[in-house]
Amino acid sequence: MEATAIEPQQRIIVALDCDNGVEALGMAERLSGHVGAVKVGLELFNAGGPQTLRRFVETGTRVFYDAKLHDIPVTVARAVAVAARTGVWMINLHATGGSAMMQQAEAANAELQAPPLLIGVTLLTSLDERALADDLRVSLSPLHYVVHLAKLAQAAGLHGVVASPREAAAVREACGSGFLIVTPGVRPTWAAADDQKRIATPAEAVADGADYLVIGRPITRASDPLAAAMRVAEELA
């Protein structure tokens, strides 16, 4: 099952999971032209605030703001509108916030002059079937739960979802070719799994329908991050 036609290096979203804005900007500059975007998550955002997002955007870097918004509908809708002013390319929110929350967020986003892509987080890749059943008391398997949330996000008007590579093929089948799938938990064959549980290689993820791959430590902690990013792109090509 093939994903949409995107150049191999453009599929790579590098996760800048650190609390040092200068270090993160340096990494983004080093990888410029060899990856498609960077991900700014809660650690880096809380270290530097919205200005961190603006600094990346000002350099011409595409930014995926990994906000994982989850609150009452009006609060999330307003937060999306404010975050979009920084010029980010993509923002996410938790699909478990429900249809009303996602619908209001997308309605607020659609009113903006240059709206970012808005995607829903399905199930965190650190959670497995045991955690889903025992901790969250969800009777569905991870696969069926993720597909359910993806269809909910699509019905609410979102552009796509964040889903592990293990569920990418099922989400693609359920939601069609026009729906974006962003996959974390991607680990090249030469990298450690770290704390991710539902993982796959870059080539496997794209073959199963993923559009964009979020990759952090295998690139950012490599002795040569640029060489590591290029190696991932070569795998995809």
C-alpha atoms as a PDB file:
ATOM      1  CA  MET A   1       0.000   0.000   0.000  1.00  0.00           C
ATOM      2  CA  GLU A   2       1.709   3.162  -1.197  1.00  0.00           C
ATOM      3  CA  ALA A   3       1.655   6.576   0.475  1.00  0.00           C
ATOM      4  CA  THR A   4       1.342   9.816  -1.476  1.00  0.00           C
ATOM      5  CA  ALA A   5       4.213  10.940  -3.728  1.00  0.00           C
ATOM      6  CA  ILE A   6       6.605  12.777  -1.414  1.00  0.00           C
ATOM      7  CA  GLU A   7      10.364  12.976  -1.858  1.00  0.00           C
ATOM      8  CA  PRO A   8      12.164  10.605   0.559  1.00  0.00           C
ATOM      9  CA  GLN A   9      13.927  13.315   2.567  1.00  0.00           C
ATOM     10  CA  GLN A  10      10.723  15.360   2.787  1.00  0.00           C
ATOM     11  CA  ARG A  11       9.046  12.493   4.637  1.00  0.00           C
ATOM     12  CA  ILE A  12      11.449  12.870   7.569  1.00  0.00           C
ATOM     13  CA  ILE A  13      10.322  14.976  10.534  1.00  0.00           C
ATOM     14  CA  VAL A  14      13.167  15.258  13.030  1.00  0.00           C
ATOM     15  CA  ALA A  15      12.057  15.277  16.671  1.00  0.00           C
ATOM     16  CA  LEU A  16      14.017  17.950  18.537  1.00  0.00           C
ATOM     17  CA  ASP A  17      13.303  16.571  21.986  1.00  0.00           C
ATOM     18  CA  CYS A  18      15.531  18.724  24.176  1.00  0.00           C
ATOM     19  CA  ASP A  19      15.284  21.848  26.353  1.00  0.00           C
ATOM     20  CA  ASN A  20      17.991  23.892  24.631  1.00  0.00           C
ATOM     21  CA  GLY A  21      16.711  26.244  21.919  1.00  0.00           C
ATOM     22  CA  VAL A  22      20.170  27.131  20.644  1.00  0.00           C
ATOM     23  CA  GLU A  23      21.115  23.474  20.344  1.00  0.00           C
ATOM     24  CA  ALA A  24      17.816  22.673  18.591  1.00  0.00           C
ATOM     25  CA  LEU A  25      18.201  25.530  16.103  1.00  0.00           C
ATOM     26  CA  GLY A  26      21.734  24.372  15.383  1.00  0.00           C
ATOM     27  CA  MET A  27      20.516  20.855  14.667  1.00  0.00           C
ATOM     28  CA  ALA A  28      17.784  22.172  12.365  1.00  0.00           C
ATOM     29  CA  GLU A  29      20.329  24.283  10.494  1.00  0.00           C
ATOM     30  CA  ARG A  30      22.661  21.321  10.162  1.00  0.00           C
ATOM     31  CA  LEU A  31      19.908  19.150   8.677  1.00  0.00           C
ATOM     32  CA  SER A  32      18.402  21.874   6.459  1.00  0.00           C
ATOM     33  CA  GLY A  33      17.615  20.593   2.983  1.00  0.00           C
ATOM     34  CA  HIS A  34      17.972  16.963   4.063  1.00  0.00           C
ATOM     35  CA  VAL A  35      14.755  16.582   6.097  1.00  0.00           C
ATOM     36  CA  GLY A  36      11.213  17.783   5.568  1.00  0.00           C
ATOM     37  CA  ALA A  37      10.462  19.382   8.929  1.00  0.00           C
ATOM     38  CA  VAL A  38      11.310  19.480  12.619  1.00  0.00           C
ATOM     39  CA  LYS A  39       9.071  18.547  15.533  1.00  0.00           C
ATOM     40  CA  VAL A  40       8.929  20.874  18.500  1.00  0.00           C
ATOM     41  CA  GLY A  41       7.387  19.088  21.465  1.00  0.00           C
ATOM     42  CA  LEU A  42       6.453  19.969  25.003  1.00  0.00           C
ATOM     43  CA  GLU A  43       9.989  19.943  26.407  1.00  0.00           C
ATOM     44  CA  LEU A  44      11.428  22.423  23.923  1.00  0.00           C
ATOM     45  CA  PHE A  45       8.268  24.526  23.794  1.00  0.00           C
ATOM     46  CA  ASN A  46       8.124  24.881  27.568  1.00  0.00           C
ATOM     47  CA  ALA A  47      11.803  25.814  27.666  1.00  0.00           C
ATOM     48  CA  GLY A  48      11.448  28.682  25.196  1.00  0.00           C
ATOM     49  CA  GLY A  49       7.750  29.351  24.630  1.00  0.00           C
ATOM     50  CA  PRO A  50       6.044  30.375  21.378  1.00  0.00           C
ATOM     51  CA  GLN A  51       9.108  32.377  20.367  1.00  0.00           C
ATOM     52  CA  THR A  52      10.877  29.062  19.848  1.00  0.00           C
ATOM     53  CA  LEU A  53       8.381  28.176  17.128  1.00  0.00           C
ATOM     54  CA  ARG A  54       8.785  31.590  15.516  1.00  0.00           C
ATOM     55  CA  ARG A  55      12.587  31.293  15.432  1.00  0.00           C
ATOM     56  CA  PHE A  56      12.391  28.094  13.426  1.00  0.00           C
ATOM     57  CA  VAL A  57       9.750  29.510  11.077  1.00  0.00           C
ATOM     58  CA  GLU A  58      11.863  32.627  10.490  1.00  0.00           C
ATOM     59  CA  THR A  59      14.711  30.433   9.207  1.00  0.00           C
ATOM     60  CA  GLY A  60      12.385  28.837   6.657  1.00  0.00           C
ATOM     61  CA  THR A  61      12.091  25.576   8.587  1.00  0.00           C
ATOM     62  CA  ARG A  62       8.783  23.735   8.485  1.00  0.00           C
ATOM     63  CA  VAL A  63       7.610  23.111  12.045  1.00  0.00           C
ATOM     64  CA  PHE A  64       5.366  20.386  13.379  1.00  0.00           C
ATOM     65  CA  TYR A  65       4.198  21.719  16.747  1.00  0.00           C
ATOM     66  CA  ASP A  66       3.611  18.579  18.785  1.00  0.00           C
ATOM     67  CA  ALA A  67       1.188  20.323  21.149  1.00  0.00           C
ATOM     68  CA  LYS A  68      -1.019  17.307  21.910  1.00  0.00           C
ATOM     69  CA  LEU A  69      -3.863  19.638  22.869  1.00  0.00           C
ATOM     70  CA  HIS A  70      -6.604  18.046  24.970  1.00  0.00           C
ATOM     71  CA  ASP A  71      -9.188  20.212  26.767  1.00  0.00           C
ATOM     72  CA  ILE A  72     -12.750  21.436  26.423  1.00  0.00           C
ATOM     73  CA  PRO A  73     -13.643  22.323  22.811  1.00  0.00           C
ATOM     74  CA  VAL A  74     -13.551  26.117  23.107  1.00  0.00           C
ATOM     75  CA  THR A  75     -10.158  26.103  24.840  1.00  0.00           C
ATOM     76  CA  VAL A  76      -8.576  23.846  22.214  1.00  0.00           C
ATOM     77  CA  ALA A  77     -10.096  25.876  19.369  1.00  0.00           C
ATOM     78  CA  ARG A  78      -8.621  29.093  20.780  1.00  0.00           C
ATOM     79  CA  ALA A  79      -5.269  27.443  21.440  1.00  0.00           C
ATOM     80  CA  VAL A  80      -5.063  26.243  17.827  1.00  0.00           C
ATOM     81  CA  ALA A  81      -5.815  29.730  16.544  1.00  0.00           C
ATOM     82  CA  VAL A  82      -3.113  31.267  18.746  1.00  0.00           C
ATOM     83  CA  ALA A  83      -0.498  28.618  17.921  1.00  0.00           C
ATOM     84  CA  ALA A  84      -1.166  29.030  14.213  1.00  0.00           C
ATOM     85  CA  ARG A  85      -0.080  32.682  14.406  1.00  0.00           C
ATOM     86  CA  THR A  86       3.509  31.513  14.857  1.00  0.00           C
ATOM     87  CA  GLY A  87       3.467  30.205  11.288  1.00  0.00           C
ATOM     88  CA  VAL A  88       3.864  26.508  12.072  1.00  0.00           C
ATOM     89  CA  TRP A  89       3.166  23.954   9.361  1.00  0.00           C
ATOM     90  CA  MET A  90       1.352  21.354  11.455  1.00  0.00           C
ATOM     91  CA  ILE A  91      -0.312  21.117  14.895  1.00  0.00           C
ATOM     92  CA  ASN A  92      -1.745  18.097  16.669  1.00  0.00           C
ATOM     93  CA  LEU A  93      -4.397  17.465  19.304  1.00  0.00           C
ATOM     94  CA  HIS A  94      -5.613  14.332  21.062  1.00  0.00           C
ATOM     95  CA  ALA A  95      -8.411  12.597  19.163  1.00  0.00           C
ATOM     96  CA  THR A  96      -9.599  11.237  22.515  1.00  0.00           C
ATOM     97  CA  GLY A  97     -10.844  14.765  23.237  1.00  0.00           C
ATOM     98  CA  GLY A  98     -13.869  13.767  21.153  1.00  0.00           C
ATOM     99  CA  SER A  99     -15.700  14.879  18.037  1.00  0.00           C
ATOM    100  CA  ALA A 100     -16.919  18.245  19.357  1.00  0.00           C
ATOM    101  CA  MET A 101     -13.407  19.265  20.399  1.00  0.00           C
ATOM    102  CA  MET A 102     -11.914  18.295  17.037  1.00  0.00           C
ATOM    103  CA  GLN A 103     -14.730  19.925  15.058  1.00  0.00           C
ATOM    104  CA  GLN A 104     -14.412  23.242  16.888  1.00  0.00           C
ATOM    105  CA  ALA A 105     -10.628  23.183  16.524  1.00  0.00           C
ATOM    106  CA  GLU A 106     -10.879  22.585  12.787  1.00  0.00           C
ATOM    107  CA  ALA A 107     -13.549  25.287  12.417  1.00  0.00           C
ATOM    108  CA  ALA A 108     -11.268  27.803  14.148  1.00  0.00           C
ATOM    109  CA  ASN A 109      -8.335  26.655  12.038  1.00  0.00           C
ATOM    110  CA  ALA A 110     -10.265  26.956   8.776  1.00  0.00           C
ATOM    111  CA  GLU A 111     -10.978  30.638   9.466  1.00  0.00           C
ATOM    112  CA  LEU A 112      -7.275  31.526   9.502  1.00  0.00           C
ATOM    113  CA  GLN A 113      -5.503  33.095   6.536  1.00  0.00           C
ATOM    114  CA  ALA A 114      -2.795  30.446   6.414  1.00  0.00           C
ATOM    115  CA  PRO A 115      -4.100  27.519   8.450  1.00  0.00           C
ATOM    116  CA  PRO A 116      -1.633  24.804   9.448  1.00  0.00           C
ATOM    117  CA  LEU A 117      -2.349  21.138   8.968  1.00  0.00           C
ATOM    118  CA  LEU A 118      -4.359  19.884  11.942  1.00  0.00           C
ATOM    119  CA  ILE A 119      -3.967  16.241  12.903  1.00  0.00           C
ATOM    120  CA  GLY A 120      -5.224  14.007  15.695  1.00  0.00           C
ATOM    121  CA  VAL A 121      -3.119  11.865  18.022  1.00  0.00           C
ATOM    122  CA  THR A 122      -4.575   8.349  18.257  1.00  0.00           C
ATOM    123  CA  LEU A 123      -2.665   6.112  20.699  1.00  0.00           C
ATOM    124  CA  LEU A 124       0.788   6.977  22.056  1.00  0.00           C
ATOM    125  CA  THR A 125       3.485   4.594  20.845  1.00  0.00           C
ATOM    126  CA  SER A 126       4.622   4.057  24.440  1.00  0.00           C
ATOM    127  CA  LEU A 127       1.322   2.271  25.162  1.00  0.00           C
ATOM    128  CA  ASP A 128       0.695  -1.361  24.309  1.00  0.00           C
ATOM    129  CA  GLU A 129      -2.283  -3.723  24.508  1.00  0.00           C
ATOM    130  CA  ARG A 130      -1.784  -4.353  28.238  1.00  0.00           C
ATOM    131  CA  ALA A 131      -1.716  -0.642  29.070  1.00  0.00           C
ATOM    132  CA  LEU A 132      -4.759  -0.001  26.897  1.00  0.00           C
ATOM    133  CA  ALA A 133      -6.760  -2.740  28.612  1.00  0.00           C
ATOM    134  CA  ASP A 134      -5.505  -2.527  32.203  1.00  0.00           C
ATOM    135  CA  ASP A 135      -4.713   1.170  32.631  1.00  0.00           C
ATOM    136  CA  LEU A 136      -7.205   2.845  30.303  1.00  0.00           C
ATOM    137  CA  ARG A 137      -9.905   0.150  30.514  1.00  0.00           C
ATOM    138  CA  VAL A 138     -10.390   0.171  26.737  1.00  0.00           C
ATOM    139  CA  SER A 139     -11.644  -3.214  25.518  1.00  0.00           C
ATOM    140  CA  LEU A 140     -10.620  -2.689  21.891  1.00  0.00           C
ATOM    141  CA  SER A 141      -7.254  -3.853  20.601  1.00  0.00           C
ATOM    142  CA  PRO A 142      -4.730  -1.074  19.813  1.00  0.00           C
ATOM    143  CA  LEU A 143      -5.387  -1.614  16.091  1.00  0.00           C
ATOM    144  CA  HIS A 144      -9.160  -1.259  16.318  1.00  0.00           C
ATOM    145  CA  TYR A 145      -8.931   1.625  18.786  1.00  0.00           C
ATOM    146  CA  VAL A 146      -6.556   3.572  16.532  1.00  0.00           C
ATOM    147  CA  VAL A 147      -8.726   3.004  13.454  1.00  0.00           C
ATOM    148  CA  HIS A 148     -11.807   4.132  15.400  1.00  0.00           C
ATOM    149  CA  LEU A 149     -10.080   7.366  16.472  1.00  0.00           C
ATOM    150  CA  ALA A 150      -8.731   7.970  12.963  1.00  0.00           C
ATOM    151  CA  LYS A 151     -12.211   7.705  11.477  1.00  0.00           C
ATOM    152  CA  LEU A 152     -13.502  10.039  14.202  1.00  0.00           C
ATOM    153  CA  ALA A 153     -10.794  12.578  13.337  1.00  0.00           C
ATOM    154  CA  GLN A 154     -11.534  12.333   9.629  1.00  0.00           C
ATOM    155  CA  ALA A 155     -15.257  12.858  10.214  1.00  0.00           C
ATOM    156  CA  ALA A 156     -14.417  15.937  12.302  1.00  0.00           C
ATOM    157  CA  GLY A 157     -12.550  17.456   9.351  1.00  0.00           C
ATOM    158  CA  LEU A 158      -8.947  16.978  10.488  1.00  0.00           C
ATOM    159  CA  HIS A 159      -6.235  16.563   7.855  1.00  0.00           C
ATOM    160  CA  GLY A 160      -4.864  13.344   9.316  1.00  0.00           C
ATOM    161  CA  VAL A 161      -3.642  11.508  12.379  1.00  0.00           C
ATOM    162  CA  VAL A 162      -0.593  10.464  14.310  1.00  0.00           C
ATOM    163  CA  ALA A 163      -0.522   6.668  14.456  1.00  0.00           C
ATOM    164  CA  SER A 164       2.158   4.062  15.020  1.00  0.00           C
ATOM    165  CA  PRO A 165       3.562   2.188  12.005  1.00  0.00           C
ATOM    166  CA  ARG A 166       1.768  -0.930  13.235  1.00  0.00           C
ATOM    167  CA  GLU A 167      -1.612   0.683  12.500  1.00  0.00           C
ATOM    168  CA  ALA A 168      -0.701   2.677   9.390  1.00  0.00           C
ATOM    169  CA  ALA A 169      -1.990   0.152   6.863  1.00  0.00           C
ATOM    170  CA  ALA A 170      -5.329  -0.239   8.634  1.00  0.00           C
ATOM    171  CA  VAL A 171      -5.762   3.552   8.937  1.00  0.00           C
ATOM    172  CA  ARG A 172      -4.935   3.981   5.245  1.00  0.00           C
ATOM    173  CA  GLU A 173      -7.488   1.356   4.305  1.00  0.00           C
ATOM    174  CA  ALA A 174     -10.163   2.868   6.542  1.00  0.00           C
ATOM    175  CA  CYS A 175      -9.570   6.550   5.703  1.00  0.00           C
ATOM    176  CA  GLY A 176      -8.338   6.560   2.106  1.00  0.00           C
ATOM    177  CA  SER A 177      -5.451   8.126   0.233  1.00  0.00           C
ATOM    178  CA  GLY A 178      -6.219  11.778   0.969  1.00  0.00           C
ATOM    179  CA  PHE A 179      -5.811  11.437   4.720  1.00  0.00           C
ATOM    180  CA  LEU A 180      -2.367  12.152   6.216  1.00  0.00           C
ATOM    181  CA  ILE A 181      -0.670   9.588   8.423  1.00  0.00           C
ATOM    182  CA  VAL A 182       2.231  10.776  10.566  1.00  0.00           C
ATOM    183  CA  THR A 183       4.086   7.949  12.252  1.00  0.00           C
ATOM    184  CA  PRO A 184       6.275   8.161  15.352  1.00  0.00           C
ATOM    185  CA  GLY A 185       7.961   5.024  16.637  1.00  0.00           C
ATOM    186  CA  VAL A 186      10.022   4.739  13.463  1.00  0.00           C
ATOM    187  CA  ARG A 187      13.378   3.072  14.019  1.00  0.00           C
ATOM    188  CA  PRO A 188      15.884   2.241  11.263  1.00  0.00           C
ATOM    189  CA  THR A 189      17.252  -1.310  11.447  1.00  0.00           C
ATOM    190  CA  TRP A 190      20.540   0.097  12.743  1.00  0.00           C
ATOM    191  CA  ALA A 191      18.966   2.049  15.647  1.00  0.00           C
ATOM    192  CA  ALA A 192      17.805   1.082  19.148  1.00  0.00           C
ATOM    193  CA  ALA A 193      14.080   0.863  19.976  1.00  0.00           C
ATOM    194  CA  ASP A 194      14.511   3.032  23.114  1.00  0.00           C
ATOM    195  CA  ASP A 195      11.139   3.479  24.907  1.00  0.00           C
ATOM    196  CA  GLN A 196       8.949   2.882  21.858  1.00  0.00           C
ATOM    197  CA  LYS A 197       6.892  -0.328  21.720  1.00  0.00           C
ATOM    198  CA  ARG A 198       4.866  -0.325  18.492  1.00  0.00           C
ATOM    199  CA  ILE A 199       7.653   0.361  15.990  1.00  0.00           C
ATOM    200  CA  ALA A 200       8.738  -0.307  12.405  1.00  0.00           C
ATOM    201  CA  THR A 201      11.540   0.653  10.046  1.00  0.00           C
ATOM    202  CA  PRO A 202      11.139   3.731   7.796  1.00  0.00           C
ATOM    203  CA  ALA A 203      10.658   1.590   4.687  1.00  0.00           C
ATOM    204  CA  GLU A 204       8.049  -0.578   6.400  1.00  0.00           C
ATOM    205  CA  ALA A 205       6.108   2.461   7.639  1.00  0.00           C
ATOM    206  CA  VAL A 206       5.940   4.078   4.194  1.00  0.00           C
ATOM    207  CA  ALA A 207       5.052   0.774   2.524  1.00  0.00           C
ATOM    208  CA  ASP A 208       2.112   0.524   4.915  1.00  0.00           C
ATOM    209  CA  GLY A 209       0.812   3.983   4.019  1.00  0.00           C
ATOM    210  CA  ALA A 210       2.630   6.512   6.195  1.00  0.00           C
ATOM    211  CA  ASP A 211       3.164   9.965   4.701  1.00  0.00           C
ATOM    212  CA  TYR A 212       5.576  11.425   7.262  1.00  0.00           C
ATOM    213  CA  LEU A 213       7.954   9.750   9.710  1.00  0.00           C
ATOM    214  CA  VAL A 214       8.881  11.274  13.059  1.00  0.00           C
ATOM    215  CA  ILE A 215      12.439  10.235  13.898  1.00  0.00           C
ATOM    216  CA  GLY A 216      14.373  11.611  16.857  1.00  0.00           C
ATOM    217  CA  ARG A 217      17.232   9.900  18.638  1.00  0.00           C
ATOM    218  CA  PRO A 218      18.454   7.749  15.707  1.00  0.00           C
ATOM    219  CA  ILE A 219      19.289  11.061  13.975  1.00  0.00           C
ATOM    220  CA  THR A 220      19.826  13.641  16.712  1.00  0.00           C
ATOM    221  CA  ARG A 221      21.998  11.407  18.912  1.00  0.00           C
ATOM    222  CA  ALA A 222      24.016   9.934  16.058  1.00  0.00           C
ATOM    223  CA  SER A 223      27.717  10.805  15.905  1.00  0.00           C
ATOM    224  CA  ASP A 224      26.927  12.406  12.537  1.00  0.00           C
ATOM    225  CA  PRO A 225      23.245  13.505  12.451  1.00  0.00           C
ATOM    226  CA  LEU A 226      23.404  14.619   8.819  1.00  0.00           C
ATOM    227  CA  ALA A 227      24.804  11.261   7.707  1.00  0.00           C
ATOM    228  CA  ALA A 228      22.090   9.484   9.717  1.00  0.00           C
ATOM    229  CA  ALA A 229      19.333  11.552   8.089  1.00  0.00           C
ATOM    230  CA  MET A 230      20.753  10.869   4.662  1.00  0.00           C
ATOM    231  CA  ARG A 231      20.932   7.167   5.463  1.00  0.00           C
ATOM    232  CA  VAL A 232      17.230   7.155   6.366  1.00  0.00           C
ATOM    233  CA  ALA A 233      16.391   8.955   3.094  1.00  0.00           C
ATOM    234  CA  GLU A 234      18.428   6.382   1.183  1.00  0.00           C
ATOM    235  CA  GLU A 235      16.463   3.581   2.856  1.00  0.00           C
ATOM    236  CA  LEU A 236      13.236   5.238   1.739  1.00  0.00           C
ATOM    237  CA  ALA A 237      14.496   5.757  -1.807  1.00  0.00           C
END
